[in-house]
Amino acid sequence: MKQKRKVRVMVAKPGLDGHDRGARIIARAYRDAGFEVVYTGLHQTPEEIVEAAIQEDVDMIGLSSLAGAHKYLFPRTVELLREKGADDIVVCGGGIVPDEDIEMLKEIGIKKIFTPGTTLEEIVKWVEENVKPR
């Protein structure tokens, strides 16, 4: 009997945002929940994130932004995934995202936005319920 592979998630910090404490905490929560985790590090371009996601065969990309560039960086990541034929990779986001921007991000393909105050348990549960191995 073939063993089912674990969900592979990538935690990515696009743009010039240099604050990665939250992203590292999320990555650890994913690891503790039994997911395979890839962390890209700081200052990644959407192009670098998408290329790494494809190479690492991830099921989900979690983008983190605290610097206000989410309205460009998140949609650009989704656009590049579509261009590369990898739009079956689930994309979610988190960080400082104003409520008025969330609907626009969902419309372009971001599946979920986690804002400050969302518990680690809520985030992990959402991934468990919405992301399956590709």
N, C-alpha and C. Protein backbone atom coordinates (compact mmCIF):
# COMPACT_ATOMS: atom_id res chain seq x y z
N MET A 1 0.84 -1.19 0.00
CA MET A 1 0.00 0.00 0.00
C MET A 1 0.88 1.25 0.00
N LYS A 2 0.61 2.14 -0.93
CA LYS A 2 1.39 3.36 -1.05
C LYS A 2 1.00 4.35 0.05
N GLN A 3 2.02 4.90 0.70
CA GLN A 3 1.77 5.87 1.77
C GLN A 3 1.48 7.24 1.16
N LYS A 4 0.46 7.90 1.66
CA LYS A 4 0.09 9.23 1.19
C LYS A 4 1.16 10.23 1.63
N ARG A 5 1.55 11.11 0.71
CA ARG A 5 2.59 12.09 1.04
C ARG A 5 2.01 13.21 1.90
N LYS A 6 2.86 13.77 2.72
CA LYS A 6 2.45 14.89 3.57
C LYS A 6 2.20 16.13 2.73
N VAL A 7 1.35 17.00 3.24
CA VAL A 7 1.15 18.30 2.60
C VAL A 7 2.45 19.08 2.71
N ARG A 8 2.86 19.67 1.58
CA ARG A 8 4.09 20.49 1.54
C ARG A 8 3.69 21.95 1.44
N VAL A 9 4.13 22.74 2.40
CA VAL A 9 3.80 24.16 2.40
C VAL A 9 5.07 24.99 2.33
N MET A 10 4.97 26.10 1.63
CA MET A 10 6.07 27.05 1.55
C MET A 10 5.64 28.32 2.27
N VAL A 11 6.50 28.81 3.13
CA VAL A 11 6.29 30.10 3.78
C VAL A 11 7.26 31.06 3.12
N ALA A 12 6.72 32.15 2.57
CA ALA A 12 7.53 33.06 1.78
C ALA A 12 7.34 34.51 2.22
N LYS A 13 8.42 35.26 2.20
CA LYS A 13 8.42 36.67 2.56
C LYS A 13 8.79 37.50 1.33
N PRO A 14 7.78 37.90 0.54
CA PRO A 14 8.09 38.68 -0.66
C PRO A 14 8.40 40.13 -0.33
N GLY A 15 9.20 40.73 -1.19
CA GLY A 15 9.45 42.16 -1.10
C GLY A 15 10.50 42.55 -0.09
N LEU A 16 10.45 43.79 0.31
CA LEU A 16 11.48 44.38 1.17
C LEU A 16 11.19 44.25 2.66
N ASP A 17 10.07 43.66 3.00
CA ASP A 17 9.69 43.47 4.40
C ASP A 17 10.76 42.62 5.10
N GLY A 18 11.36 43.17 6.13
CA GLY A 18 12.43 42.47 6.84
C GLY A 18 12.00 41.83 8.14
N HIS A 19 10.72 41.77 8.40
CA HIS A 19 10.21 41.23 9.65
C HIS A 19 9.71 39.80 9.41
N ASP A 20 10.43 38.83 9.95
CA ASP A 20 10.06 37.45 9.67
C ASP A 20 9.72 36.62 10.91
N ARG A 21 9.59 37.25 12.04
CA ARG A 21 9.27 36.49 13.25
C ARG A 21 7.96 35.71 13.09
N GLY A 22 6.91 36.39 12.61
CA GLY A 22 5.62 35.73 12.43
C GLY A 22 5.70 34.60 11.43
N ALA A 23 6.42 34.81 10.33
CA ALA A 23 6.56 33.77 9.32
C ALA A 23 7.27 32.55 9.90
N ARG A 24 8.27 32.78 10.71
CA ARG A 24 8.98 31.66 11.33
C ARG A 24 8.09 30.92 12.33
N ILE A 25 7.26 31.64 13.04
CA ILE A 25 6.33 31.00 13.98
C ILE A 25 5.32 30.15 13.22
N ILE A 26 4.80 30.68 12.12
CA ILE A 26 3.86 29.92 11.29
C ILE A 26 4.55 28.68 10.72
N ALA A 27 5.76 28.83 10.24
CA ALA A 27 6.49 27.68 9.68
C ALA A 27 6.66 26.59 10.74
N ARG A 28 6.97 26.98 11.94
CA ARG A 28 7.11 26.00 13.02
C ARG A 28 5.78 25.33 13.35
N ALA A 29 4.70 26.10 13.35
CA ALA A 29 3.37 25.53 13.61
C ALA A 29 3.01 24.51 12.53
N TYR A 30 3.32 24.84 11.28
CA TYR A 30 3.07 23.89 10.19
C TYR A 30 3.89 22.61 10.39
N ARG A 31 5.14 22.78 10.72
CA ARG A 31 6.00 21.61 10.96
C ARG A 31 5.46 20.76 12.10
N ASP A 32 5.07 21.41 13.19
CA ASP A 32 4.54 20.69 14.35
C ASP A 32 3.23 19.97 14.03
N ALA A 33 2.49 20.48 13.04
CA ALA A 33 1.23 19.86 12.63
C ALA A 33 1.46 18.68 11.68
N GLY A 34 2.72 18.45 11.31
CA GLY A 34 3.03 17.31 10.45
C GLY A 34 3.20 17.64 8.98
N PHE A 35 3.16 18.91 8.61
CA PHE A 35 3.38 19.30 7.22
C PHE A 35 4.88 19.34 6.93
N GLU A 36 5.23 19.14 5.68
CA GLU A 36 6.60 19.42 5.24
C GLU A 36 6.66 20.91 4.95
N VAL A 37 7.70 21.57 5.42
CA VAL A 37 7.76 23.04 5.33
C VAL A 37 9.03 23.46 4.59
N VAL A 38 8.83 24.40 3.66
CA VAL A 38 9.92 25.05 2.96
C VAL A 38 9.82 26.53 3.32
N TYR A 39 10.91 27.11 3.83
CA TYR A 39 10.92 28.54 4.16
C TYR A 39 11.91 29.22 3.22
N THR A 40 11.45 30.23 2.50
CA THR A 40 12.30 30.86 1.48
C THR A 40 13.26 31.90 2.03
N GLY A 41 13.00 32.40 3.23
CA GLY A 41 13.82 33.49 3.74
C GLY A 41 13.26 34.84 3.31
N LEU A 42 13.97 35.87 3.68
CA LEU A 42 13.53 37.25 3.44
C LEU A 42 13.82 37.73 2.02
N HIS A 43 13.11 38.78 1.64
CA HIS A 43 13.39 39.58 0.45
C HIS A 43 13.32 38.78 -0.85
N GLN A 44 12.30 37.96 -0.99
CA GLN A 44 12.12 37.17 -2.20
C GLN A 44 11.23 37.91 -3.19
N THR A 45 11.52 37.75 -4.46
CA THR A 45 10.64 38.29 -5.48
C THR A 45 9.54 37.27 -5.76
N PRO A 46 8.42 37.71 -6.29
CA PRO A 46 7.40 36.73 -6.68
C PRO A 46 7.96 35.67 -7.64
N GLU A 47 8.84 36.09 -8.55
CA GLU A 47 9.45 35.15 -9.49
C GLU A 47 10.26 34.08 -8.76
N GLU A 48 11.04 34.48 -7.78
CA GLU A 48 11.82 33.51 -7.00
C GLU A 48 10.92 32.58 -6.21
N ILE A 49 9.86 33.12 -5.65
CA ILE A 49 8.93 32.31 -4.86
C ILE A 49 8.26 31.25 -5.73
N VAL A 50 7.77 31.67 -6.88
CA VAL A 50 7.08 30.73 -7.78
C VAL A 50 8.05 29.67 -8.28
N GLU A 51 9.23 30.06 -8.66
CA GLU A 51 10.22 29.08 -9.14
C GLU A 51 10.53 28.06 -8.05
N ALA A 52 10.73 28.53 -6.82
CA ALA A 52 11.03 27.62 -5.71
C ALA A 52 9.83 26.72 -5.41
N ALA A 53 8.63 27.27 -5.50
CA ALA A 53 7.42 26.47 -5.23
C ALA A 53 7.28 25.33 -6.22
N ILE A 54 7.57 25.61 -7.48
CA ILE A 54 7.50 24.57 -8.50
C ILE A 54 8.60 23.53 -8.29
N GLN A 55 9.81 23.99 -8.04
CA GLN A 55 10.93 23.07 -7.83
C GLN A 55 10.72 22.19 -6.61
N GLU A 56 10.14 22.76 -5.56
CA GLU A 56 9.92 22.02 -4.32
C GLU A 56 8.62 21.23 -4.32
N ASP A 57 7.81 21.36 -5.38
CA ASP A 57 6.55 20.64 -5.52
C ASP A 57 5.64 20.86 -4.31
N VAL A 58 5.47 22.13 -3.94
CA VAL A 58 4.63 22.44 -2.79
C VAL A 58 3.15 22.43 -3.17
N ASP A 59 2.33 22.23 -2.17
CA ASP A 59 0.88 22.23 -2.34
C ASP A 59 0.28 23.59 -2.03
N MET A 60 1.00 24.39 -1.23
CA MET A 60 0.50 25.69 -0.81
C MET A 60 1.67 26.65 -0.61
N ILE A 61 1.42 27.90 -0.94
CA ILE A 61 2.36 28.99 -0.63
C ILE A 61 1.65 29.90 0.35
N GLY A 62 2.29 30.15 1.49
CA GLY A 62 1.80 31.12 2.45
C GLY A 62 2.67 32.36 2.36
N LEU A 63 2.10 33.45 1.87
CA LEU A 63 2.83 34.71 1.73
C LEU A 63 2.63 35.56 2.96
N SER A 64 3.69 36.19 3.42
CA SER A 64 3.62 37.05 4.59
C SER A 64 4.10 38.45 4.23
N SER A 65 3.28 39.45 4.56
CA SER A 65 3.67 40.82 4.27
C SER A 65 3.23 41.74 5.41
N LEU A 66 4.18 42.48 5.89
CA LEU A 66 3.90 43.46 6.93
C LEU A 66 4.20 44.88 6.45
N ALA A 67 4.61 45.00 5.19
CA ALA A 67 5.11 46.28 4.70
C ALA A 67 4.17 46.99 3.74
N GLY A 68 2.95 46.49 3.55
CA GLY A 68 1.98 47.18 2.72
C GLY A 68 2.10 46.92 1.23
N ALA A 69 2.93 45.98 0.81
CA ALA A 69 3.09 45.71 -0.62
C ALA A 69 2.25 44.52 -1.08
N HIS A 70 1.34 44.07 -0.25
CA HIS A 70 0.52 42.90 -0.55
C HIS A 70 -0.35 43.09 -1.80
N LYS A 71 -0.74 44.32 -2.10
CA LYS A 71 -1.61 44.56 -3.25
C LYS A 71 -0.88 44.37 -4.57
N TYR A 72 0.43 44.35 -4.56
CA TYR A 72 1.21 44.04 -5.76
C TYR A 72 1.81 42.63 -5.68
N LEU A 73 2.47 42.32 -4.58
CA LEU A 73 3.23 41.08 -4.48
C LEU A 73 2.35 39.83 -4.47
N PHE A 74 1.23 39.85 -3.78
CA PHE A 74 0.36 38.68 -3.73
C PHE A 74 -0.25 38.40 -5.11
N PRO A 75 -0.87 39.41 -5.77
CA PRO A 75 -1.42 39.15 -7.10
C PRO A 75 -0.34 38.73 -8.11
N ARG A 76 0.83 39.31 -8.03
CA ARG A 76 1.90 38.95 -8.97
C ARG A 76 2.28 37.48 -8.80
N THR A 77 2.31 37.00 -7.59
CA THR A 77 2.64 35.60 -7.34
C THR A 77 1.59 34.69 -7.98
N VAL A 78 0.32 35.01 -7.79
CA VAL A 78 -0.77 34.22 -8.39
C VAL A 78 -0.67 34.27 -9.92
N GLU A 79 -0.41 35.44 -10.47
CA GLU A 79 -0.28 35.60 -11.92
C GLU A 79 0.84 34.71 -12.48
N LEU A 80 1.97 34.69 -11.81
CA LEU A 80 3.10 33.88 -12.27
C LEU A 80 2.80 32.38 -12.17
N LEU A 81 2.09 31.97 -11.12
CA LEU A 81 1.70 30.57 -11.01
C LEU A 81 0.82 30.18 -12.20
N ARG A 82 -0.10 31.05 -12.56
CA ARG A 82 -0.97 30.78 -13.72
C ARG A 82 -0.14 30.67 -15.00
N GLU A 83 0.78 31.61 -15.19
CA GLU A 83 1.63 31.60 -16.39
C GLU A 83 2.45 30.32 -16.49
N LYS A 84 2.87 29.77 -15.36
CA LYS A 84 3.72 28.57 -15.34
C LYS A 84 2.89 27.28 -15.31
N GLY A 85 1.56 27.40 -15.34
CA GLY A 85 0.72 26.21 -15.29
C GLY A 85 0.69 25.55 -13.93
N ALA A 86 0.97 26.31 -12.90
CA ALA A 86 1.02 25.78 -11.53
C ALA A 86 -0.05 26.41 -10.65
N ASP A 87 -1.17 26.80 -11.26
CA ASP A 87 -2.20 27.48 -10.49
C ASP A 87 -3.02 26.53 -9.62
N ASP A 88 -2.62 25.25 -9.57
CA ASP A 88 -3.23 24.34 -8.60
C ASP A 88 -2.54 24.42 -7.24
N ILE A 89 -1.50 25.22 -7.15
CA ILE A 89 -0.86 25.48 -5.86
C ILE A 89 -1.73 26.52 -5.13
N VAL A 90 -2.20 26.17 -3.95
CA VAL A 90 -3.04 27.06 -3.15
C VAL A 90 -2.17 28.21 -2.63
N VAL A 91 -2.67 29.42 -2.70
CA VAL A 91 -1.96 30.59 -2.17
C VAL A 91 -2.81 31.24 -1.10
N CYS A 92 -2.21 31.42 0.07
CA CYS A 92 -2.87 32.20 1.12
C CYS A 92 -1.89 33.27 1.57
N GLY A 93 -2.38 34.19 2.35
CA GLY A 93 -1.53 35.29 2.78
C GLY A 93 -1.82 35.65 4.22
N GLY A 94 -0.89 36.40 4.78
CA GLY A 94 -1.08 36.85 6.14
C GLY A 94 -0.21 38.05 6.41
N GLY A 95 -0.48 38.68 7.53
CA GLY A 95 0.27 39.86 7.93
C GLY A 95 -0.65 41.04 8.12
N ILE A 96 -0.10 42.21 7.85
CA ILE A 96 -0.86 43.44 8.00
C ILE A 96 -1.57 43.72 6.67
N VAL A 97 -2.79 43.24 6.58
CA VAL A 97 -3.59 43.42 5.37
C VAL A 97 -4.90 44.09 5.79
N PRO A 98 -5.13 45.32 5.36
CA PRO A 98 -6.37 46.01 5.73
C PRO A 98 -7.60 45.25 5.25
N ASP A 99 -8.65 45.30 6.04
CA ASP A 99 -9.89 44.61 5.70
C ASP A 99 -10.37 44.96 4.29
N GLU A 100 -10.22 46.22 3.89
CA GLU A 100 -10.72 46.65 2.58
C GLU A 100 -9.94 46.03 1.41
N ASP A 101 -8.78 45.43 1.67
CA ASP A 101 -7.99 44.81 0.60
C ASP A 101 -8.27 43.31 0.47
N ILE A 102 -8.89 42.72 1.46
CA ILE A 102 -9.04 41.26 1.49
C ILE A 102 -9.91 40.76 0.34
N GLU A 103 -11.02 41.39 0.06
CA GLU A 103 -11.90 40.92 -1.02
C GLU A 103 -11.20 40.96 -2.37
N MET A 104 -10.46 42.03 -2.64
CA MET A 104 -9.72 42.14 -3.91
C MET A 104 -8.71 41.00 -4.02
N LEU A 105 -8.02 40.68 -2.94
CA LEU A 105 -7.03 39.61 -2.98
C LEU A 105 -7.69 38.25 -3.22
N LYS A 106 -8.84 38.05 -2.61
CA LYS A 106 -9.57 36.79 -2.84
C LYS A 106 -10.05 36.70 -4.29
N GLU A 107 -10.48 37.81 -4.85
CA GLU A 107 -10.96 37.81 -6.24
C GLU A 107 -9.88 37.44 -7.24
N ILE A 108 -8.64 37.77 -6.95
CA ILE A 108 -7.55 37.43 -7.88
C ILE A 108 -6.98 36.04 -7.63
N GLY A 109 -7.45 35.36 -6.58
CA GLY A 109 -7.02 33.98 -6.39
C GLY A 109 -6.38 33.62 -5.07
N ILE A 110 -6.21 34.58 -4.18
CA ILE A 110 -5.70 34.26 -2.85
C ILE A 110 -6.84 33.57 -2.10
N LYS A 111 -6.60 32.36 -1.63
CA LYS A 111 -7.69 31.57 -1.04
C LYS A 111 -8.07 32.02 0.36
N LYS A 112 -7.12 32.56 1.11
CA LYS A 112 -7.41 32.96 2.50
C LYS A 112 -6.39 34.01 2.92
N ILE A 113 -6.85 34.97 3.71
CA ILE A 113 -5.97 35.97 4.32
C ILE A 113 -6.11 35.84 5.83
N PHE A 114 -4.98 35.66 6.49
CA PHE A 114 -4.95 35.58 7.95
C PHE A 114 -4.42 36.90 8.48
N THR A 115 -5.21 37.55 9.31
CA THR A 115 -4.82 38.86 9.85
C THR A 115 -4.36 38.71 11.30
N PRO A 116 -3.75 39.75 11.85
CA PRO A 116 -3.29 39.66 13.24
C PRO A 116 -4.43 39.23 14.17
N GLY A 117 -4.09 38.36 15.09
CA GLY A 117 -5.09 37.85 16.03
C GLY A 117 -5.58 36.46 15.67
N THR A 118 -5.33 36.03 14.43
CA THR A 118 -5.71 34.67 14.04
C THR A 118 -4.79 33.71 14.79
N THR A 119 -5.37 32.70 15.43
CA THR A 119 -4.55 31.77 16.20
C THR A 119 -3.84 30.77 15.28
N LEU A 120 -2.75 30.23 15.77
CA LEU A 120 -2.04 29.19 15.02
C LEU A 120 -2.94 27.99 14.78
N GLU A 121 -3.77 27.67 15.76
CA GLU A 121 -4.69 26.54 15.61
C GLU A 121 -5.67 26.78 14.46
N GLU A 122 -6.19 28.00 14.34
CA GLU A 122 -7.12 28.32 13.25
C GLU A 122 -6.42 28.19 11.89
N ILE A 123 -5.19 28.66 11.82
CA ILE A 123 -4.44 28.62 10.56
C ILE A 123 -4.16 27.17 10.16
N VAL A 124 -3.67 26.38 11.09
CA VAL A 124 -3.37 24.97 10.81
C VAL A 124 -4.64 24.23 10.41
N LYS A 125 -5.73 24.48 11.12
CA LYS A 125 -6.99 23.81 10.80
C LYS A 125 -7.44 24.17 9.39
N TRP A 126 -7.32 25.44 9.00
CA TRP A 126 -7.72 25.84 7.66
C TRP A 126 -6.89 25.09 6.62
N VAL A 127 -5.59 24.99 6.83
CA VAL A 127 -4.74 24.26 5.88
C VAL A 127 -5.14 22.79 5.82
N GLU A 128 -5.35 22.18 6.96
CA GLU A 128 -5.76 20.77 6.99
C GLU A 128 -7.04 20.53 6.21
N GLU A 129 -7.97 21.48 6.28
CA GLU A 129 -9.27 21.32 5.64
C GLU A 129 -9.28 21.76 4.16
N ASN A 130 -8.32 22.57 3.74
CA ASN A 130 -8.39 23.16 2.40
C ASN A 130 -7.22 22.85 1.48
N VAL A 131 -6.20 22.20 1.97
CA VAL A 131 -5.02 21.92 1.14
C VAL A 131 -4.75 20.43 1.18
N LYS A 132 -4.67 19.84 0.00
CA LYS A 132 -4.38 18.42 -0.13
C LYS A 132 -3.13 18.25 -1.00
N PRO A 133 -2.41 17.14 -0.83
CA PRO A 133 -1.26 16.91 -1.70
C PRO A 133 -1.68 16.94 -3.17
N ARG A 134 -0.91 17.60 -4.00
CA ARG A 134 -1.22 17.72 -5.44
C ARG A 134 -0.92 16.43 -6.17
